[in-house]
Protein backbone atom coordinates (compact mmCIF):
# COMPACT_ATOMS: atom_id res chain seq x y z
CA MET A 1 -0.01 0.16 0.16
CA THR A 2 1.29 3.32 -0.90
CA PRO A 3 1.23 5.47 2.63
CA ALA A 4 -1.30 8.45 2.11
CA PRO A 5 1.15 12.04 2.42
CA MET A 6 1.76 13.36 5.71
CA GLY A 7 -0.31 16.52 5.15
CA THR A 8 -3.12 14.65 4.57
CA ALA A 9 -2.93 12.59 7.58
CA ARG A 10 -2.29 15.48 9.51
CA ARG A 11 -5.79 17.11 8.09
CA ARG A 12 -7.37 13.64 8.78
CA SER A 13 -6.35 13.76 12.48
CA ALA A 14 -6.62 17.23 13.30
CA GLY A 15 -10.00 17.91 10.70
CA ALA A 16 -12.52 18.16 13.82
CA GLY A 17 -11.39 21.36 14.39
CA GLY A 18 -8.83 19.86 17.40
CA ILE A 19 -11.83 16.96 18.74
CA GLY A 20 -9.47 13.85 16.61
CA LEU A 21 -10.59 11.73 13.80
CA ARG A 22 -13.91 11.64 12.39
CA HIS A 23 -16.42 8.86 12.49
CA ALA A 24 -19.58 8.09 11.26
CA GLY A 25 -21.72 8.93 13.95
CA SER A 26 -20.56 12.84 13.38
CA GLY A 27 -23.18 13.61 10.96
CA LEU A 28 -25.91 12.98 14.72
CA TRP A 29 -23.48 15.94 16.67
CA SER A 30 -23.50 18.25 13.53
CA ALA A 31 -27.32 18.03 13.11
CA GLY A 32 -27.60 18.82 17.01
CA ALA A 33 -25.51 21.56 16.87
CA VAL A 34 -27.57 22.96 13.92
CA VAL A 35 -30.94 22.27 15.32
CA ILE A 36 -29.69 24.10 18.58
CA ALA A 37 -28.39 26.90 16.97
CA LEU A 38 -31.85 27.50 15.53
CA LEU A 39 -33.67 27.61 18.07
CA ILE A 40 -31.46 29.91 19.76
CA VAL A 41 -31.86 32.12 16.85
CA ALA A 42 -35.79 31.43 16.42
CA PRO A 43 -37.32 33.98 18.66
CA ILE A 44 -35.12 36.96 16.85
CA VAL A 45 -36.46 36.01 13.46
CA ALA A 46 -39.64 35.35 15.42
CA VAL A 47 -40.07 39.36 16.36
CA ILE A 48 -38.70 40.18 12.94
CA TRP A 49 -41.61 38.41 11.15
CA VAL A 50 -44.33 39.39 14.13
CA ALA A 51 -42.72 43.54 13.43
CA LEU A 52 -43.39 42.56 9.42
CA ASN A 53 -46.77 41.20 9.70
CA PRO A 54 -48.32 42.40 12.41
CA THR A 55 -52.46 42.22 13.14
CA GLU A 56 -53.07 45.86 13.06
CA ASN A 57 -50.09 48.54 12.13
CA ILE A 58 -49.61 51.12 14.30
CA TRP A 59 -46.54 52.31 13.45
CA PRO A 60 -47.28 55.46 11.97
CA HIS A 61 -48.90 56.17 15.45
CA LEU A 62 -46.02 55.25 17.64
CA MET A 63 -43.57 57.52 14.86
CA ALA A 64 -46.43 60.62 15.35
CA THR A 65 -46.71 60.19 19.30
CA THR A 66 -44.40 58.23 21.78
CA LEU A 67 -41.48 56.71 19.93
CA PRO A 68 -39.28 59.87 18.81
CA ARG A 69 -39.61 60.56 22.91
CA TYR A 70 -38.47 56.70 23.56
CA MET A 71 -35.77 57.14 21.08
CA THR A 72 -34.55 60.39 23.03
CA ASN A 73 -34.07 59.13 25.96
CA THR A 74 -32.68 55.59 25.14
CA ALA A 75 -30.12 57.72 23.51
CA VAL A 76 -29.34 60.69 26.28
CA LEU A 77 -29.27 57.17 28.66
CA ALA A 78 -27.11 55.04 26.24
CA GLY A 79 -24.63 57.59 25.62
CA GLY A 80 -24.63 59.14 29.11
CA VAL A 81 -24.17 55.64 30.66
CA GLY A 82 -21.14 55.07 28.01
CA VAL A 83 -18.92 57.86 28.43
CA LEU A 84 -19.57 58.08 32.24
CA ALA A 85 -18.81 54.36 32.46
CA ALA A 86 -15.66 54.79 30.22
CA ALA A 87 -14.34 57.56 32.09
CA VAL A 88 -14.80 56.06 35.19
CA GLY A 89 -13.75 52.37 34.45
CA ALA A 90 -10.63 53.45 32.33
CA GLY A 91 -9.33 55.96 34.89
CA ALA A 92 -9.77 53.53 37.73
CA ALA A 93 -8.02 51.21 35.33
CA TRP A 94 -5.04 53.46 34.90
CA LEU A 95 -4.48 54.43 38.82
CA ILE A 96 -4.47 50.86 39.53
CA SER A 97 -1.93 49.46 36.87
CA MET A 98 0.21 52.26 37.04
CA TYR A 99 0.29 53.49 40.81
CA ARG A 100 1.15 52.37 44.12
CA PHE A 101 -1.60 54.49 46.49
CA PRO A 102 -3.09 53.26 50.12
CA GLY A 103 -5.41 51.00 49.35
CA ALA A 104 -4.47 50.07 46.52
CA GLY A 105 -4.33 46.62 46.75
CA TRP A 106 -7.83 45.93 48.30
CA LEU A 107 -9.44 48.29 45.39
CA GLU A 108 -7.97 46.47 42.95
CA TRP A 109 -10.42 44.03 44.03
CA LEU A 110 -13.54 46.06 45.66
CA LEU A 111 -13.99 47.85 42.18
CA LEU A 112 -15.47 44.78 40.71
CA LEU A 113 -18.12 43.97 43.37
CA PRO A 114 -20.69 46.65 41.71
CA MET A 115 -21.24 43.46 39.07
CA ALA A 116 -22.93 41.94 42.36
CA ILE A 117 -25.61 44.53 42.70
CA PRO A 118 -28.76 44.50 39.59
CA ALA A 119 -29.07 48.24 38.69
CA TYR A 120 -32.75 48.54 39.93
CA VAL A 121 -31.21 47.72 43.42
CA GLY A 122 -29.25 50.28 43.10
CA ALA A 123 -31.61 52.90 41.90
CA TYR A 124 -33.85 52.07 44.81
CA ALA A 125 -30.95 52.72 47.28
CA LEU A 126 -30.26 55.98 45.33
CA VAL A 127 -33.49 56.94 45.80
CA ASP A 128 -33.99 56.01 49.26
CA PHE A 129 -30.73 58.28 50.36
CA LEU A 130 -31.47 61.36 48.59
CA ASP A 131 -35.03 61.48 48.82
CA TYR A 132 -36.77 64.13 50.72
CA SER A 133 -37.28 61.87 53.61
CA GLY A 134 -33.89 60.20 53.05
CA PRO A 135 -30.74 60.71 55.51
CA VAL A 136 -29.39 63.35 52.82
CA GLN A 137 -32.64 65.98 52.75
CA THR A 138 -32.91 65.24 56.42
CA ALA A 139 -29.66 65.53 57.72
CA LEU A 140 -29.90 69.12 55.58
CA ARG A 141 -32.67 70.35 57.26
CA GLU A 142 -31.87 69.59 60.50
CA ALA A 143 -28.46 71.45 60.11
CA PHE A 144 -29.79 74.45 58.52
CA GLY A 145 -33.43 75.24 60.13
CA TRP A 146 -35.18 74.55 57.20
CA ALA A 147 -38.54 73.50 57.70
CA SER A 148 -39.73 72.43 53.87
CA ALA A 149 -38.62 71.68 50.45
CA ARG A 150 -39.73 75.40 49.35
CA ASP A 151 -37.44 76.85 51.58
CA TYR A 152 -34.39 75.13 49.94
CA TRP A 153 -33.11 73.31 46.38
CA PHE A 154 -32.15 69.81 45.78
CA PRO A 155 -31.90 67.96 42.40
CA GLN A 156 -34.59 65.62 41.45
CA VAL A 157 -33.99 62.50 42.23
CA ARG A 158 -35.98 60.53 40.06
CA SER A 159 -34.38 61.85 36.53
CA ARG A 160 -32.79 61.11 33.79
CA THR A 161 -29.26 62.41 34.98
CA ALA A 162 -29.77 60.23 37.88
CA ALA A 163 -30.59 57.14 35.84
CA VAL A 164 -27.47 57.86 34.17
CA VAL A 165 -25.31 58.06 37.44
CA VAL A 166 -27.14 54.36 39.01
CA LEU A 167 -26.55 52.89 35.34
CA ALA A 168 -22.86 53.65 34.64
CA SER A 169 -22.48 53.06 38.73
CA ALA A 170 -23.46 49.19 37.90
CA PHE A 171 -22.14 49.17 34.38
CA TYR A 172 -18.34 50.79 34.50
CA PRO A 173 -16.88 47.48 35.75
CA TYR A 174 -16.97 45.70 32.15
CA VAL A 175 -14.86 49.01 31.42
CA TYR A 176 -12.26 48.30 34.29
CA LEU A 177 -12.05 44.99 33.66
CA LEU A 178 -11.11 44.98 29.99
CA THR A 179 -8.98 48.03 30.49
CA ARG A 180 -7.29 46.74 33.34
CA SER A 181 -6.40 43.85 31.20
CA ALA A 182 -5.42 45.85 28.36
CA PHE A 183 -2.93 47.76 30.64
CA ARG A 184 -1.40 44.85 31.85
CA GLU A 185 -0.56 43.17 28.76
CA GLN A 186 1.01 46.82 27.40
CA SER A 187 4.92 46.47 27.63
CA GLY A 188 6.28 48.60 30.03
CA GLY A 189 9.48 49.26 27.60
CA SER A 190 6.53 51.61 25.68
CA TYR A 191 6.26 53.91 29.19
CA GLU A 192 9.77 54.56 29.92
CA VAL A 193 10.98 55.54 25.92
CA ALA A 194 7.81 58.18 26.89
CA ARG A 195 8.68 59.24 30.21
CA ALA A 196 12.72 59.31 28.56
CA LEU A 197 10.83 61.55 26.15
CA GLY A 198 9.76 64.14 28.24
CA ALA A 199 6.08 62.95 29.10
CA GLY A 200 4.58 63.26 32.32
CA PRO A 201 2.12 61.33 33.95
CA VAL A 202 -0.72 63.63 31.75
CA GLY A 203 1.36 62.59 28.52
CA LEU A 204 1.52 59.02 29.79
CA PHE A 205 -1.72 58.49 29.79
CA TRP A 206 -3.38 60.90 26.68
CA ARG A 207 -0.58 59.91 24.25
CA VAL A 208 0.38 56.35 25.07
CA GLY A 209 -1.88 54.32 27.43
CA LEU A 210 -5.32 55.66 26.32
CA PRO A 211 -4.28 54.65 22.36
CA LEU A 212 -3.20 51.82 23.41
CA ALA A 213 -6.11 50.22 25.28
CA ARG A 214 -8.61 51.97 23.07
CA PRO A 215 -10.22 48.56 22.07
CA ALA A 216 -11.04 47.66 25.51
CA ILE A 217 -12.46 50.68 26.57
CA VAL A 218 -14.86 50.93 23.28
CA ALA A 219 -15.63 47.23 24.04
CA GLY A 220 -16.61 48.00 27.56
CA ALA A 221 -18.38 50.97 26.95
CA ALA A 222 -20.14 49.17 24.08
CA ILE A 223 -21.29 46.24 26.75
CA ALA A 224 -22.26 49.39 29.29
CA MET A 225 -24.54 51.39 26.47
CA MET A 226 -25.94 47.67 25.20
CA GLU A 227 -26.74 47.16 28.89
CA THR A 228 -28.31 50.25 29.15
CA VAL A 229 -30.66 49.87 26.02
CA ALA A 230 -31.90 45.99 27.27
CA ASP A 231 -32.03 47.78 30.96
CA PHE A 232 -36.11 47.79 32.47
CA GLY A 233 -36.03 48.05 36.15
CA VAL A 234 -33.80 50.95 36.36
CA VAL A 235 -36.21 53.42 34.00
CA ASP A 236 -39.15 52.54 34.97
CA TYR A 237 -38.52 53.18 38.50
CA PHE A 238 -37.46 56.80 38.00
CA GLY A 239 -40.07 57.09 35.36
CA VAL A 240 -37.45 57.55 32.08
CA GLN A 241 -39.36 56.35 28.83
CA THR A 242 -37.36 54.34 26.66
CA LEU A 243 -38.16 51.52 24.22
CA THR A 244 -37.67 49.00 26.81
CA THR A 245 -40.71 50.65 28.52
CA GLY A 246 -42.38 50.96 25.46
CA ILE A 247 -42.58 47.29 25.01
CA PHE A 248 -44.64 46.83 27.74
CA THR A 249 -46.75 49.78 27.99
CA THR A 250 -47.35 49.24 23.93
CA TRP A 251 -47.99 45.34 24.88
CA LEU A 252 -49.73 45.02 28.51
CA GLU A 253 -51.50 48.60 28.69
CA ALA A 254 -52.51 48.65 24.57
CA GLY A 255 -52.83 44.91 24.12
CA ASN A 256 -51.08 45.56 20.69
CA ALA A 257 -48.06 42.60 20.42
CA GLY A 258 -47.44 43.84 16.97
CA GLY A 259 -46.66 46.90 17.55
CA ALA A 260 -44.24 45.70 20.82
CA ALA A 261 -42.25 43.50 18.51
CA GLN A 262 -42.40 47.08 15.84
CA ILE A 263 -40.37 48.47 19.34
CA ALA A 264 -38.10 45.60 19.61
CA VAL A 265 -37.01 45.77 16.09
CA VAL A 266 -35.81 49.28 16.76
CA ILE A 267 -34.19 48.15 19.70
CA LEU A 268 -32.36 45.44 17.65
CA GLY A 269 -31.10 47.78 15.57
CA VAL A 270 -30.02 50.37 18.17
CA ILE A 271 -27.96 46.94 19.17
CA PHE A 272 -27.00 46.27 16.42
CA VAL A 273 -25.60 49.71 15.64
CA LEU A 274 -23.25 49.34 18.70
CA PHE A 275 -22.11 46.26 18.03
CA ALA A 276 -21.01 47.18 15.06
CA LEU A 277 -19.58 50.23 16.45
CA GLU A 278 -17.67 48.24 18.83
CA LYS A 279 -16.78 45.48 15.76
CA THR A 280 -15.44 48.17 13.58
CA SER A 281 -12.99 50.15 16.37
CA ARG A 282 -11.28 46.99 16.96
CA ARG A 283 -10.60 45.76 13.57
CA ASN A 284 -9.68 49.33 13.19
CA SER A 285 -7.51 49.51 15.61
CA ARG A 286 -4.54 46.29 16.10
CA TYR A 287 -1.63 46.24 18.18
CA TYR A 288 1.01 43.34 18.89
CA GLN A 289 3.01 42.44 21.59
CA SER A 290 6.89 41.55 20.85
CA ALA A 291 7.16 37.66 20.45
CA ARG A 292 9.82 38.47 23.68
CA GLN A 293 8.13 38.06 27.16
CA PRO A 294 6.93 41.81 28.00
CA ARG A 295 8.67 43.75 30.31
CA PRO A 296 6.22 44.19 33.32
CA ILE A 297 5.29 47.99 34.29
CA LEU A 298 6.69 49.46 37.20
CA ARG A 299 3.81 50.66 39.20
CA THR A 300 4.98 54.35 40.88
CA GLN A 301 3.97 55.06 44.39
CA LEU A 302 2.27 57.75 45.17
CA THR A 303 2.42 59.43 48.84
CA GLY A 304 1.07 62.24 50.14
CA ALA A 305 -1.91 64.12 49.17
CA ALA A 306 -1.44 62.74 45.78
CA GLY A 307 -1.56 58.98 47.09
CA TRP A 308 -5.34 59.70 49.18
CA PHE A 309 -6.50 61.90 46.19
CA ALA A 310 -6.16 58.63 43.69
CA THR A 311 -7.48 56.46 46.63
CA THR A 312 -10.32 58.60 47.15
CA LEU A 313 -10.58 58.40 43.06
CA CYS A 314 -11.50 54.95 42.85
CA ALA A 315 -13.24 54.50 46.20
CA ILE A 316 -16.13 56.79 44.68
CA PRO A 317 -17.75 54.12 42.36
CA PHE A 318 -17.34 51.08 44.66
CA LEU A 319 -19.08 53.41 47.30
CA MET A 320 -21.60 55.06 45.07
CA GLY A 321 -21.92 51.23 43.12
CA PHE A 322 -21.69 48.36 45.87
CA VAL A 323 -21.80 50.29 49.67
CA LEU A 324 -24.39 52.26 49.02
CA PRO A 325 -26.78 49.60 47.60
CA VAL A 326 -26.01 47.75 50.48
CA ALA A 327 -26.18 49.71 53.34
CA VAL A 328 -29.11 50.58 52.59
CA ILE A 329 -30.85 47.19 52.00
CA CYS A 330 -29.58 46.08 55.02
CA THR A 331 -30.67 48.52 57.00
CA TYR A 332 -34.32 47.77 55.55
CA ALA A 333 -33.59 44.45 56.28
CA LEU A 334 -32.19 44.34 59.93
CA ALA A 335 -35.03 47.53 60.50
CA ASN A 336 -37.84 44.93 59.30
CA PRO A 337 -36.86 41.26 60.38
CA GLU A 338 -40.62 39.93 59.97
CA ALA A 339 -39.91 40.95 56.41
CA TRP A 340 -38.23 37.51 56.08
CA PHE A 341 -41.15 36.02 57.30
CA GLY A 342 -43.84 37.41 54.79
CA PRO A 343 -45.83 35.56 52.30
CA GLY A 344 -44.50 35.05 49.40
CA LEU A 345 -40.47 35.15 49.81
CA ALA A 346 -40.05 31.69 50.65
CA ARG A 347 -42.20 30.81 46.91
CA ALA A 348 -40.27 33.26 45.42
CA LEU A 349 -36.88 32.08 46.53
CA PHE A 350 -37.96 28.59 45.29
CA HIS A 351 -39.01 29.64 42.06
CA THR A 352 -35.56 31.59 41.14
CA LEU A 353 -33.69 28.65 42.50
CA SER A 354 -35.70 26.21 40.40
CA VAL A 355 -35.96 27.97 37.30
CA GLY A 356 -33.21 29.62 37.43
CA GLY A 357 -31.21 25.83 38.37
CA ILE A 358 -32.81 24.45 35.44
CA ALA A 359 -31.86 26.90 32.60
CA ALA A 360 -28.33 26.53 33.69
CA VAL A 361 -28.07 23.50 33.09
CA VAL A 362 -30.01 23.51 30.36
CA THR A 363 -27.95 26.07 28.46
CA VAL A 364 -24.68 24.57 29.75
CA ALA A 365 -25.82 21.30 28.27
CA ALA A 366 -26.79 22.71 24.98
CA ALA A 367 -23.33 24.82 24.90
CA LEU A 368 -21.75 21.94 25.23
CA PHE A 369 -23.37 19.41 22.79
CA MET A 370 -23.40 22.04 20.16
CA VAL A 371 -19.78 23.09 20.86
CA TYR A 372 -18.41 19.46 20.30
CA GLY A 373 -20.41 18.66 17.20
CA VAL A 374 -19.06 21.55 15.14
CA ARG A 375 -15.50 20.64 16.39
CA MET A 376 -16.27 17.11 15.32
CA THR A 377 -17.56 17.95 11.91
CA GLY A 378 -16.07 19.42 9.09
CA ARG A 379 -19.15 20.55 7.96
CA ARG A 380 -19.39 24.43 7.11
CA LEU A 381 -23.01 24.37 7.93
CA PRO A 382 -22.89 24.09 11.78
CA ARG A 383 -19.63 26.52 11.77
CA VAL A 384 -21.81 29.56 9.91
CA VAL A 385 -24.77 29.26 12.29
CA LEU A 386 -22.66 28.97 15.21
CA PRO A 387 -21.79 32.63 15.80
CA PHE A 388 -25.78 33.51 15.18
CA THR A 389 -26.30 32.02 18.52
CA THR A 390 -24.50 35.22 20.16
CA LEU A 391 -26.90 37.30 19.32
CA GLY A 392 -29.48 36.53 22.18
CA TYR A 393 -27.01 37.91 24.68
CA ALA A 394 -26.91 40.95 22.51
CA ALA A 395 -30.91 41.29 22.93
CA PRO A 396 -32.61 42.71 25.54
CA GLY A 397 -34.67 40.50 27.67
CA ALA A 398 -37.74 42.77 26.55
CA VAL A 399 -37.18 42.22 22.93
CA LEU A 400 -37.03 37.90 23.55
CA ALA A 401 -40.00 38.20 25.46
CA VAL A 402 -41.29 39.12 22.35
CA GLY A 403 -39.94 36.70 20.27
CA ILE A 404 -40.62 33.71 22.69
CA LEU A 405 -44.38 34.63 24.03
CA ILE A 406 -46.08 35.38 20.90
CA PRO A 407 -45.48 32.06 18.51
CA LEU A 408 -45.23 30.06 21.81
CA ALA A 409 -48.71 31.13 22.78
CA ALA A 410 -49.83 30.05 19.72
CA LEU A 411 -48.04 26.67 19.45
CA ASP A 412 -49.56 26.38 23.21
CA HIS A 413 -53.06 26.90 21.88
CA ARG A 414 -52.59 24.56 18.69
CA LEU A 415 -51.69 21.59 21.59
CA ALA A 416 -54.57 22.29 24.22
CA ASP A 417 -57.06 22.13 21.28
CA ALA A 418 -55.33 18.78 19.75
CA ILE A 419 -55.21 17.30 22.96
CA TRP A 420 -58.96 18.20 23.69
CA ALA A 421 -59.83 17.41 20.16
CA LEU A 422 -58.13 13.04 20.42
CA THR A 423 -58.92 12.64 24.76
CA GLY A 424 -61.72 15.50 25.37
CA TYR A 425 -59.20 16.53 28.38
CA ASP A 426 -58.43 20.09 28.22
CA PRO A 427 -54.68 20.79 29.59
CA GLY A 428 -54.54 24.71 29.98
CA LEU A 429 -51.94 26.07 28.89
CA MET A 430 -48.55 23.46 29.34
CA LEU A 431 -45.91 26.54 28.00
CA THR A 432 -47.00 29.69 28.50
CA GLY A 433 -49.18 28.81 31.73
CA THR A 434 -46.23 27.49 33.47
CA ALA A 435 -42.41 28.28 33.81
CA THR A 436 -41.39 26.72 30.84
CA ALA A 437 -40.98 29.92 28.48
CA ILE A 438 -39.16 31.74 31.29
CA VAL A 439 -36.52 29.15 31.01
CA LEU A 440 -36.58 28.63 27.15
CA ALA A 441 -35.84 32.74 27.43
CA TYR A 442 -32.76 32.11 30.23
CA VAL A 443 -31.76 29.77 27.39
CA VAL A 444 -31.85 32.05 24.40
CA ARG A 445 -30.68 34.80 26.67
CA PHE A 446 -27.76 33.40 27.96
CA PHE A 447 -26.52 31.13 25.51
CA ALA A 448 -23.52 32.66 24.80
CA LEU A 449 -22.15 32.85 28.14
CA ALA A 450 -22.08 29.10 28.64
CA GLN A 451 -21.18 28.99 24.66
CA GLY A 452 -17.93 31.08 25.31
CA ALA A 453 -17.10 29.43 28.28
CA ALA A 454 -17.46 25.95 26.50
CA ASP A 455 -15.62 26.73 23.45
CA SER A 456 -12.57 27.98 25.33
CA ALA A 457 -12.38 24.67 27.65
CA PHE A 458 -12.18 22.54 24.19
CA GLY A 459 -9.56 24.69 23.10
CA ARG A 460 -7.26 23.78 26.01
CA VAL A 461 -7.76 20.30 25.76
CA SER A 462 -4.88 18.62 24.13
CA PRO A 463 -6.29 16.72 21.15
CA SER A 464 -4.26 13.64 21.84
CA LEU A 465 -6.13 12.82 24.74
CA PRO A 466 -9.33 12.55 22.74
CA MET A 467 -7.59 10.92 19.92
CA ALA A 468 -6.55 7.94 22.46
CA ALA A 469 -9.61 7.27 23.90
CA ARG A 470 -11.18 6.90 20.36
CA SER A 471 -8.25 4.73 19.69
CA LEU A 472 -8.83 2.70 22.64
CA GLY A 473 -12.66 2.15 21.27
CA ARG A 474 -14.85 4.84 22.86
CA THR A 475 -17.60 6.96 20.87
CA ALA A 476 -17.81 10.42 20.64
CA GLY A 477 -20.27 10.52 23.65
CA GLY A 478 -17.47 8.12 25.68
CA ALA A 479 -14.80 10.74 24.94
CA LEU A 480 -16.60 13.74 25.78
CA ARG A 481 -17.63 11.70 29.29
CA GLU A 482 -14.66 10.34 30.22
CA VAL A 483 -11.90 13.07 28.14
CA TYR A 484 -13.04 16.48 28.31
CA LEU A 485 -15.46 16.76 30.92
CA PRO A 486 -13.30 15.52 33.95
CA LEU A 487 -10.88 18.15 32.44
CA MET A 488 -13.41 20.80 32.16
CA ARG A 489 -14.85 20.44 35.20
CA GLY A 490 -13.58 23.73 36.84
CA SER A 491 -14.93 25.69 33.47
CA VAL A 492 -18.11 23.94 33.20
CA GLY A 493 -19.00 25.04 37.22
CA SER A 494 -18.13 28.58 36.44
CA ALA A 495 -20.75 28.98 33.42
CA LEU A 496 -22.81 26.89 35.46
CA LEU A 497 -22.80 29.48 38.38
CA LEU A 498 -22.57 32.58 35.71
CA VAL A 499 -26.10 31.46 33.61
CA PHE A 500 -27.77 30.86 37.18
CA VAL A 501 -26.51 34.59 38.39
CA GLU A 502 -27.99 36.24 35.53
CA CYS A 503 -31.02 34.08 35.22
CA VAL A 504 -31.64 34.93 38.90
CA LYS A 505 -31.13 39.10 38.49
CA GLU A 506 -33.32 38.78 34.70
CA LEU A 507 -36.06 41.43 35.63
CA PRO A 508 -37.90 42.27 32.17
CA THR A 509 -37.67 38.65 31.03
CA THR A 510 -39.52 36.97 34.15
CA MET A 511 -41.92 40.16 34.17
CA LEU A 512 -43.25 39.40 30.64
CA LEU A 513 -43.29 35.89 30.80
CA ARG A 514 -44.29 34.49 33.96
CA PRO A 515 -47.23 32.93 34.40
CA PHE A 516 -50.58 34.31 37.15
CA ASN A 517 -49.25 35.18 40.46
CA TYR A 518 -45.64 33.66 40.05
CA ASP A 519 -42.96 35.27 41.48
CA THR A 520 -39.06 35.54 41.22
CA LEU A 521 -36.89 37.10 43.53
CA ALA A 522 -36.51 40.11 40.77
CA THR A 523 -40.07 40.45 40.83
CA ARG A 524 -40.98 40.44 43.62
CA VAL A 525 -37.97 43.31 44.84
CA HIS A 526 -39.60 45.45 42.01
CA GLU A 527 -43.19 45.17 42.99
CA LYS A 528 -42.19 45.68 46.52
CA ALA A 529 -39.95 48.69 45.60
CA SER A 530 -42.51 50.11 42.86
CA LEU A 531 -44.75 50.37 46.12
CA GLU A 532 -42.34 52.21 47.86
CA ASN A 533 -41.77 49.78 50.21
CA LEU A 534 -38.49 48.35 50.72
CA GLY A 535 -38.91 47.20 53.54
CA ASP A 536 -40.53 44.21 52.11
CA ALA A 537 -38.44 43.97 48.77
CA ALA A 538 -34.83 44.13 51.39
CA PRO A 539 -34.68 40.61 52.41
CA ALA A 540 -35.12 39.04 48.51
CA ALA A 541 -32.55 41.98 47.32
CA LEU A 542 -30.35 40.90 49.86
CA LEU A 543 -30.76 36.78 48.33
CA VAL A 544 -29.86 38.20 44.94
CA MET A 545 -26.99 40.57 45.80
CA ALA A 546 -25.45 37.44 47.52
CA VAL A 547 -26.31 35.45 44.66
CA GLY A 548 -24.56 37.96 42.42
CA LEU A 549 -21.36 38.85 45.19
CA LEU A 550 -20.68 34.90 44.81
CA ALA A 551 -20.20 34.99 40.94
CA THR A 552 -18.29 38.24 41.10
CA LEU A 553 -15.81 36.47 44.05
CA VAL A 554 -15.36 33.36 41.69
CA LEU A 555 -14.50 35.66 38.92
CA ALA A 556 -12.12 37.97 40.40
CA ARG A 557 -10.75 34.18 42.09
CA ALA A 558 -9.92 33.18 37.87
CA ASN A 559 -8.70 36.23 36.95
CA LEU A 560 -6.10 36.24 40.15
CA GLU A 561 -5.39 32.80 38.93
CA LYS A 562 -4.31 33.72 35.30
CA ARG A 563 -2.19 36.59 36.88
CA ARG A 564 0.17 33.60 38.38
């Protein structure tokens, strides 16, 4: 026999994207990957279809009345949050990466903690702290002898500006985390050359640090702006009418699903523009490191007033984004211990844990199956559809709710009618009348998180290990179960935790898709706080924050291990 060329053998052995030899069963994995990808993309396609084919076209009415106001408020909020989050996150990352000052070691990780606080909880805390009956205005009246609000001027708390501050305090860690990594990956030699040429601290930042870290800053700011466009809890509490609140108003109050879908398509367009800008910025700004080990940046010691000024600048976003919400909510929780035994809290906790847990398991399992199937096959279709599965994470929860509930409700009624016709038994709404729709929405919304973790974990496993398992007679499923999963246990666990935490915090999707009288911790917090009853909202808010804090600590630990 004539031996095959070495290049051919190599391509065959690694033709599955590093998984190993292709086999007769790879078609099943490939088909399953395509099916999962189509299910993830289906809600977005459904939104566009419903928007283009509404039962009642109210688009001209929206354009003439509310849509300009929705778009203006959304644009101002997204722009303001993007600029403020970029300034705070990049500034804090620069100080932490370039200087030593009192508390820098602690603040490096404390600045990540606002990621654990849902933005809507921060809104409730800020209003309670600054409102007329709050401690700030009460102290001012006592100090200056003012009798009523007519005796002094105080900024409006529930305003668009306050919403920008709250959202930026919640989302700046996206910029901080990416920019801090970008600064630390830079070579210290660049800064030494700049100093030798006479650049001072400000010149180093503007001429060297900022240009090199611009892709990371833009990426983090784009994420913050996308989260702002998707937000519902903060803008609803502050009374700011945005595109997301417009979906709720048009659908729930006006009863027009087609109009809600049309607004949802506008949101998708805004998200697509932000996504495209972020990608374009990174594509046009490429910076490469030397092949040699880069020289680490030597941090400058700040002493005296300069050191404490740097400490204050870094502490302010941490105080605003974490300490203030936690302090306010804990105060109410301690002052109202009976709220822990209030009716509905235990049920909301059970719903949150069960729905979030099921969604996390399904999401991670589907992501593992799809990534494994795509890597194992050489077919083009699975690889083409794989990137589209990230659209669910870019789409706001309210948009996905529209795309899921409308077609799912139609399917639910047809199933119930079919069962009634065949058996004479009315099963009711089995999909939309239960938590099934919520689980499906969570899977679509956060699939990108699990997919990214799975793809990264598969890439770290040496191809020789599954090849050895296959040569010993293991099937594709056996190689996945006995080789990959034991080596990927940490990544799979982190993905499960991250998806679960996002499910716990998700508000607009849950509010639109939940069955009647079905509460989760997030919806309970929003409902109680909307009634100005922070005492009853505090226990549920603390539980949500505790789950988020756990995920943030895991993320910080993972970053610390990477540095080592």
